[in-house]
Amino acid sequence: MKTHYSLTLHLLLGSLLLSLSANAQSLLPNGSFDDPSDPLKGWVTDYEWTGNSYYIANKDFVHVEPDGTRKNIVKLVSPGDGGVKIESIPIKLEPGFRYTCTLDVKGGPYRLYFSGYRWAPGVPPNDNPSIADLRPIYKSKAVTGTSPDWTKVTFELPGVKLSEQALAHLKDVRFITIYLWFLGGANYIDNVTLTKTPDESMNF
């Protein structure tokens, strides 16, 4: 009886440690949208500063809500042909690593990819830039599709074999974001993770 109890406890502790380790590997601070103070902490939804007529009101079409067994999910409702989007805060790009994003998606059509940024003119480099401090110069291969039911989707940077020209562009990239764009009806996302693994092809 005592041996069985000890074995059960050992297995439970092992599962807990594995779970904590998996969560610790994600580079995103709030990929589950469950932060108690701000469910959208770590994410960008407000693009009014861009002056782009498609996205001036973007934040009004992004909401966090509970959904059955899921604590929180993000609901995005496209207001028109420009679609609606949400983007992670900038993550510093490290040469020599492949980046992998995994998330749960329902809805579409959608277009999901990594966006690469460099410093905007006149902005002094710092460790915590906003999107407004940066200029987009690179896009990874996008995943596109429609998912009527919850579907786990994965996409990577680079996601393709890098040409010399692509490597040259990556040399100027300082930060990356996870860029999630949706069109039509009601769209949902949850459980976004970002991990990195060594990859010699990313030595730029």
C-alpha atoms as a PDB file:
ATOM      1  CA  MET A   1       0.000   0.000   0.000  1.00  0.00           C
ATOM      2  CA  LYS A   2       2.790   2.368   0.987  1.00  0.00           C
ATOM      3  CA  THR A   3       4.762   1.464  -2.153  1.00  0.00           C
ATOM      4  CA  HIS A   4       1.707   2.096  -4.357  1.00  0.00           C
ATOM      5  CA  TYR A   5       1.134   5.468  -2.680  1.00  0.00           C
ATOM      6  CA  SER A   6       4.778   6.466  -3.162  1.00  0.00           C
ATOM      7  CA  LEU A   7       4.705   5.447  -6.821  1.00  0.00           C
ATOM      8  CA  THR A   8       1.494   7.405  -7.434  1.00  0.00           C
ATOM      9  CA  LEU A   9       2.930  10.475  -5.729  1.00  0.00           C
ATOM     10  CA  HIS A  10       6.138  10.166  -7.740  1.00  0.00           C
ATOM     11  CA  LEU A  11       4.188   9.988 -11.016  1.00  0.00           C
ATOM     12  CA  LEU A  12       2.055  12.993 -10.088  1.00  0.00           C
ATOM     13  CA  LEU A  13       5.109  15.065  -9.189  1.00  0.00           C
ATOM     14  CA  GLY A  14       6.799  14.005 -12.411  1.00  0.00           C
ATOM     15  CA  SER A  15       3.783  15.085 -14.478  1.00  0.00           C
ATOM     16  CA  LEU A  16       3.674  18.425 -12.671  1.00  0.00           C
ATOM     17  CA  LEU A  17       7.353  19.085 -13.299  1.00  0.00           C
ATOM     18  CA  LEU A  18       6.985  18.201 -16.983  1.00  0.00           C
ATOM     19  CA  SER A  19       4.019  20.548 -17.260  1.00  0.00           C
ATOM     20  CA  LEU A  20       5.890  23.389 -15.570  1.00  0.00           C
ATOM     21  CA  SER A  21       8.924  22.765 -17.789  1.00  0.00           C
ATOM     22  CA  ALA A  22       6.799  22.876 -20.961  1.00  0.00           C
ATOM     23  CA  ASN A  23       5.193  26.143 -19.890  1.00  0.00           C
ATOM     24  CA  ALA A  24       8.559  27.647 -18.964  1.00  0.00           C
ATOM     25  CA  GLN A  25       9.866  26.978 -22.477  1.00  0.00           C
ATOM     26  CA  SER A  26       7.373  29.312 -24.116  1.00  0.00           C
ATOM     27  CA  LEU A  27       8.807  32.733 -24.895  1.00  0.00           C
ATOM     28  CA  LEU A  28       5.364  34.350 -24.651  1.00  0.00           C
ATOM     29  CA  PRO A  29       4.338  35.877 -21.322  1.00  0.00           C
ATOM     30  CA  ASN A  30       0.593  35.224 -21.709  1.00  0.00           C
ATOM     31  CA  GLY A  31      -0.170  32.795 -24.501  1.00  0.00           C
ATOM     32  CA  SER A  32      -3.226  31.419 -22.708  1.00  0.00           C
ATOM     33  CA  PHE A  33      -4.819  34.880 -22.253  1.00  0.00           C
ATOM     34  CA  ASP A  34      -5.410  34.028 -18.593  1.00  0.00           C
ATOM     35  CA  ASP A  35      -3.428  36.828 -16.937  1.00  0.00           C
ATOM     36  CA  PRO A  36      -5.677  37.908 -14.033  1.00  0.00           C
ATOM     37  CA  SER A  37      -4.821  41.612 -14.293  1.00  0.00           C
ATOM     38  CA  ASP A  38      -4.968  41.903 -18.101  1.00  0.00           C
ATOM     39  CA  PRO A  39      -6.037  38.958 -20.338  1.00  0.00           C
ATOM     40  CA  LEU A  40      -4.379  40.656 -23.332  1.00  0.00           C
ATOM     41  CA  LYS A  41      -1.081  41.325 -21.577  1.00  0.00           C
ATOM     42  CA  GLY A  42       1.756  40.637 -24.005  1.00  0.00           C
ATOM     43  CA  TRP A  43      -0.416  41.221 -27.084  1.00  0.00           C
ATOM     44  CA  VAL A  44      -1.009  44.143 -29.435  1.00  0.00           C
ATOM     45  CA  THR A  45      -4.513  44.957 -30.658  1.00  0.00           C
ATOM     46  CA  ASP A  46      -4.428  48.780 -30.940  1.00  0.00           C
ATOM     47  CA  TYR A  47      -3.142  50.041 -34.300  1.00  0.00           C
ATOM     48  CA  GLU A  48      -4.706  53.498 -34.261  1.00  0.00           C
ATOM     49  CA  TRP A  49      -1.233  55.067 -34.312  1.00  0.00           C
ATOM     50  CA  THR A  50      -0.587  53.654 -37.821  1.00  0.00           C
ATOM     51  CA  GLY A  51      -3.272  55.783 -39.468  1.00  0.00           C
ATOM     52  CA  ASN A  52      -4.224  52.742 -41.569  1.00  0.00           C
ATOM     53  CA  SER A  53      -7.976  53.039 -42.139  1.00  0.00           C
ATOM     54  CA  TYR A  54      -8.390  49.250 -42.084  1.00  0.00           C
ATOM     55  CA  TYR A  55      -6.993  48.919 -38.560  1.00  0.00           C
ATOM     56  CA  ILE A  56      -7.657  52.225 -36.764  1.00  0.00           C
ATOM     57  CA  ALA A  57     -10.493  50.565 -34.829  1.00  0.00           C
ATOM     58  CA  ASN A  58      -8.915  47.085 -34.729  1.00  0.00           C
ATOM     59  CA  LYS A  59      -8.952  46.857 -30.908  1.00  0.00           C
ATOM     60  CA  ASP A  60     -12.756  47.200 -30.899  1.00  0.00           C
ATOM     61  CA  PHE A  61     -13.059  43.838 -32.685  1.00  0.00           C
ATOM     62  CA  VAL A  62     -10.805  41.813 -30.366  1.00  0.00           C
ATOM     63  CA  HIS A  63     -12.311  40.477 -27.115  1.00  0.00           C
ATOM     64  CA  VAL A  64     -11.429  37.928 -24.451  1.00  0.00           C
ATOM     65  CA  GLU A  65     -14.197  35.678 -23.155  1.00  0.00           C
ATOM     66  CA  PRO A  66     -14.606  32.327 -21.343  1.00  0.00           C
ATOM     67  CA  ASP A  67     -15.569  29.262 -23.364  1.00  0.00           C
ATOM     68  CA  GLY A  68     -16.747  26.149 -21.543  1.00  0.00           C
ATOM     69  CA  THR A  69     -13.741  24.132 -20.376  1.00  0.00           C
ATOM     70  CA  ARG A  70     -11.328  26.781 -21.615  1.00  0.00           C
ATOM     71  CA  LYS A  71     -10.683  29.572 -19.111  1.00  0.00           C
ATOM     72  CA  ASN A  72     -10.255  32.355 -21.679  1.00  0.00           C
ATOM     73  CA  ILE A  73     -10.210  32.556 -25.448  1.00  0.00           C
ATOM     74  CA  VAL A  74      -9.768  35.475 -27.827  1.00  0.00           C
ATOM     75  CA  LYS A  75     -12.648  36.262 -30.168  1.00  0.00           C
ATOM     76  CA  LEU A  76     -11.947  38.305 -33.310  1.00  0.00           C
ATOM     77  CA  VAL A  77     -14.780  39.547 -35.522  1.00  0.00           C
ATOM     78  CA  SER A  78     -13.727  41.019 -38.853  1.00  0.00           C
ATOM     79  CA  PRO A  79     -15.453  44.343 -39.631  1.00  0.00           C
ATOM     80  CA  GLY A  80     -14.756  44.194 -43.359  1.00  0.00           C
ATOM     81  CA  ASP A  81     -12.347  43.302 -46.148  1.00  0.00           C
ATOM     82  CA  GLY A  82      -9.329  44.501 -44.136  1.00  0.00           C
ATOM     83  CA  GLY A  83      -9.837  41.772 -41.550  1.00  0.00           C
ATOM     84  CA  VAL A  84      -8.862  41.903 -37.894  1.00  0.00           C
ATOM     85  CA  LYS A  85      -5.550  41.011 -36.266  1.00  0.00           C
ATOM     86  CA  ILE A  86      -3.670  40.437 -33.048  1.00  0.00           C
ATOM     87  CA  GLU A  87       0.092  40.403 -32.653  1.00  0.00           C
ATOM     88  CA  SER A  88       2.454  39.386 -29.900  1.00  0.00           C
ATOM     89  CA  ILE A  89       4.768  41.918 -28.317  1.00  0.00           C
ATOM     90  CA  PRO A  90       8.191  41.990 -30.006  1.00  0.00           C
ATOM     91  CA  ILE A  91      10.497  39.080 -29.133  1.00  0.00           C
ATOM     92  CA  LYS A  92      14.255  39.495 -29.654  1.00  0.00           C
ATOM     93  CA  LEU A  93      15.499  37.357 -32.549  1.00  0.00           C
ATOM     94  CA  GLU A  94      18.564  35.251 -31.776  1.00  0.00           C
ATOM     95  CA  PRO A  95      20.658  33.900 -34.659  1.00  0.00           C
ATOM     96  CA  GLY A  96      21.158  30.149 -34.631  1.00  0.00           C
ATOM     97  CA  PHE A  97      17.631  29.234 -33.543  1.00  0.00           C
ATOM     98  CA  ARG A  98      14.468  28.046 -35.260  1.00  0.00           C
ATOM     99  CA  TYR A  99      11.271  29.503 -33.817  1.00  0.00           C
ATOM    100  CA  THR A 100       8.060  27.487 -33.620  1.00  0.00           C
ATOM    101  CA  CYS A 101       4.585  28.819 -32.850  1.00  0.00           C
ATOM    102  CA  THR A 102       1.710  26.513 -31.952  1.00  0.00           C
ATOM    103  CA  LEU A 103      -1.842  27.672 -31.250  1.00  0.00           C
ATOM    104  CA  ASP A 104      -5.465  26.558 -31.222  1.00  0.00           C
ATOM    105  CA  VAL A 105      -7.581  28.178 -33.949  1.00  0.00           C
ATOM    106  CA  LYS A 106     -11.248  28.161 -34.904  1.00  0.00           C
ATOM    107  CA  GLY A 107     -12.675  30.212 -37.779  1.00  0.00           C
ATOM    108  CA  GLY A 108     -11.092  31.840 -40.773  1.00  0.00           C
ATOM    109  CA  PRO A 109     -10.023  32.442 -43.375  1.00  0.00           C
ATOM    110  CA  TYR A 110      -6.800  33.167 -41.490  1.00  0.00           C
ATOM    111  CA  ARG A 111      -3.195  34.032 -42.268  1.00  0.00           C
ATOM    112  CA  LEU A 112      -0.618  33.288 -39.558  1.00  0.00           C
ATOM    113  CA  TYR A 113       3.105  34.036 -39.727  1.00  0.00           C
ATOM    114  CA  PHE A 114       6.168  35.576 -38.096  1.00  0.00           C
ATOM    115  CA  SER A 115       6.786  39.242 -38.801  1.00  0.00           C
ATOM    116  CA  GLY A 116      10.366  40.499 -38.588  1.00  0.00           C
ATOM    117  CA  TYR A 117      11.243  44.067 -37.548  1.00  0.00           C
ATOM    118  CA  ARG A 118      14.159  46.456 -37.395  1.00  0.00           C
ATOM    119  CA  TRP A 119      14.398  49.768 -35.570  1.00  0.00           C
ATOM    120  CA  ALA A 120      12.439  52.657 -36.998  1.00  0.00           C
ATOM    121  CA  PRO A 121      14.527  55.682 -38.019  1.00  0.00           C
ATOM    122  CA  GLY A 122      15.450  57.857 -35.066  1.00  0.00           C
ATOM    123  CA  VAL A 123      14.471  55.337 -32.385  1.00  0.00           C
ATOM    124  CA  PRO A 124      17.303  54.555 -29.943  1.00  0.00           C
ATOM    125  CA  PRO A 125      17.703  50.777 -29.447  1.00  0.00           C
ATOM    126  CA  ASN A 126      16.222  49.399 -26.229  1.00  0.00           C
ATOM    127  CA  ASP A 127      15.224  46.033 -24.763  1.00  0.00           C
ATOM    128  CA  ASN A 128      11.452  46.596 -24.618  1.00  0.00           C
ATOM    129  CA  PRO A 129      10.287  48.246 -27.832  1.00  0.00           C
ATOM    130  CA  SER A 130       6.694  48.804 -28.825  1.00  0.00           C
ATOM    131  CA  ILE A 131       5.531  47.975 -32.335  1.00  0.00           C
ATOM    132  CA  ALA A 132       5.543  51.724 -33.022  1.00  0.00           C
ATOM    133  CA  ASP A 133       9.329  51.756 -32.414  1.00  0.00           C
ATOM    134  CA  LEU A 134       9.898  49.270 -35.234  1.00  0.00           C
ATOM    135  CA  ARG A 135       9.512  48.828 -38.979  1.00  0.00           C
ATOM    136  CA  PRO A 136       8.490  45.503 -40.613  1.00  0.00           C
ATOM    137  CA  ILE A 137      11.050  44.125 -43.069  1.00  0.00           C
ATOM    138  CA  TYR A 138      10.491  40.364 -43.122  1.00  0.00           C
ATOM    139  CA  LYS A 139       7.656  37.804 -43.254  1.00  0.00           C
ATOM    140  CA  SER A 140       7.985  34.074 -42.707  1.00  0.00           C
ATOM    141  CA  LYS A 141       6.074  31.536 -44.769  1.00  0.00           C
ATOM    142  CA  ALA A 142       2.418  31.916 -43.764  1.00  0.00           C
ATOM    143  CA  VAL A 143      -0.063  29.258 -42.766  1.00  0.00           C
ATOM    144  CA  THR A 144      -3.468  29.922 -44.310  1.00  0.00           C
ATOM    145  CA  GLY A 145      -6.768  28.138 -44.052  1.00  0.00           C
ATOM    146  CA  THR A 146     -10.190  27.804 -42.481  1.00  0.00           C
ATOM    147  CA  SER A 147     -10.962  25.693 -39.409  1.00  0.00           C
ATOM    148  CA  PRO A 148     -14.659  25.267 -38.535  1.00  0.00           C
ATOM    149  CA  ASP A 149     -13.674  23.383 -35.358  1.00  0.00           C
ATOM    150  CA  TRP A 150     -10.836  23.911 -32.890  1.00  0.00           C
ATOM    151  CA  THR A 151      -7.616  22.958 -34.690  1.00  0.00           C
ATOM    152  CA  LYS A 152      -4.006  22.995 -33.523  1.00  0.00           C
ATOM    153  CA  VAL A 153      -1.861  24.921 -36.016  1.00  0.00           C
ATOM    154  CA  THR A 154       1.942  25.151 -36.139  1.00  0.00           C
ATOM    155  CA  PHE A 155       4.168  27.448 -38.149  1.00  0.00           C
ATOM    156  CA  GLU A 156       7.883  28.172 -38.043  1.00  0.00           C
ATOM    157  CA  LEU A 157      10.593  30.692 -38.711  1.00  0.00           C
ATOM    158  CA  PRO A 158      12.154  30.149 -41.177  1.00  0.00           C
ATOM    159  CA  GLY A 159       9.650  27.489 -42.287  1.00  0.00           C
ATOM    160  CA  VAL A 160      11.432  27.188 -45.649  1.00  0.00           C
ATOM    161  CA  LYS A 161      14.958  26.639 -46.889  1.00  0.00           C
ATOM    162  CA  LEU A 162      16.610  30.042 -46.642  1.00  0.00           C
ATOM    163  CA  SER A 163      18.130  31.600 -49.718  1.00  0.00           C
ATOM    164  CA  GLU A 164      21.150  33.904 -49.506  1.00  0.00           C
ATOM    165  CA  GLN A 165      18.829  36.862 -50.070  1.00  0.00           C
ATOM    166  CA  ALA A 166      16.562  35.757 -47.202  1.00  0.00           C
ATOM    167  CA  LEU A 167      19.560  35.357 -44.903  1.00  0.00           C
ATOM    168  CA  ALA A 168      20.687  38.855 -45.845  1.00  0.00           C
ATOM    169  CA  HIS A 169      17.263  40.217 -44.838  1.00  0.00           C
ATOM    170  CA  LEU A 170      17.365  38.347 -41.528  1.00  0.00           C
ATOM    171  CA  LYS A 171      20.643  40.056 -40.628  1.00  0.00           C
ATOM    172  CA  ASP A 172      18.688  43.297 -40.278  1.00  0.00           C
ATOM    173  CA  VAL A 173      15.856  41.769 -38.203  1.00  0.00           C
ATOM    174  CA  ARG A 174      16.107  42.635 -34.514  1.00  0.00           C
ATOM    175  CA  PHE A 175      12.699  41.465 -33.243  1.00  0.00           C
ATOM    176  CA  ILE A 176       9.954  39.097 -34.341  1.00  0.00           C
ATOM    177  CA  THR A 177       6.250  38.940 -33.550  1.00  0.00           C
ATOM    178  CA  ILE A 178       3.573  36.315 -33.977  1.00  0.00           C
ATOM    179  CA  TYR A 179       1.170  37.889 -36.463  1.00  0.00           C
ATOM    180  CA  LEU A 180      -2.369  36.461 -36.546  1.00  0.00           C
ATOM    181  CA  TRP A 181      -4.814  37.833 -39.141  1.00  0.00           C
ATOM    182  CA  PHE A 182      -8.451  36.768 -39.648  1.00  0.00           C
ATOM    183  CA  LEU A 183     -11.284  37.561 -42.029  1.00  0.00           C
ATOM    184  CA  GLY A 184     -15.019  37.028 -41.725  1.00  0.00           C
ATOM    185  CA  GLY A 185     -17.492  36.023 -39.002  1.00  0.00           C
ATOM    186  CA  ALA A 186     -16.338  34.978 -35.566  1.00  0.00           C
ATOM    187  CA  ASN A 187     -12.793  33.701 -35.138  1.00  0.00           C
ATOM    188  CA  TYR A 188     -11.134  32.296 -32.027  1.00  0.00           C
ATOM    189  CA  ILE A 189      -7.597  31.626 -30.770  1.00  0.00           C
ATOM    190  CA  ASP A 190      -6.168  30.093 -27.603  1.00  0.00           C
ATOM    191  CA  ASN A 191      -3.087  28.416 -26.140  1.00  0.00           C
ATOM    192  CA  VAL A 192      -0.404  30.216 -28.150  1.00  0.00           C
ATOM    193  CA  THR A 193       3.139  29.007 -27.460  1.00  0.00           C
ATOM    194  CA  LEU A 194       6.468  30.119 -28.877  1.00  0.00           C
ATOM    195  CA  THR A 195       9.602  28.007 -28.534  1.00  0.00           C
ATOM    196  CA  LYS A 196      13.092  28.061 -30.023  1.00  0.00           C
ATOM    197  CA  THR A 197      15.474  25.227 -30.869  1.00  0.00           C
ATOM    198  CA  PRO A 198      19.043  25.294 -32.229  1.00  0.00           C
ATOM    199  CA  ASP A 199      19.163  25.399 -36.030  1.00  0.00           C
ATOM    200  CA  GLU A 200      22.368  25.897 -38.013  1.00  0.00           C
ATOM    201  CA  SER A 201      20.439  27.203 -41.027  1.00  0.00           C
ATOM    202  CA  MET A 202      19.534  30.244 -38.929  1.00  0.00           C
ATOM    203  CA  ASN A 203      23.145  31.309 -38.398  1.00  0.00           C
ATOM    204  CA  PHE A 204      22.993  34.660 -40.178  1.00  0.00           C
END
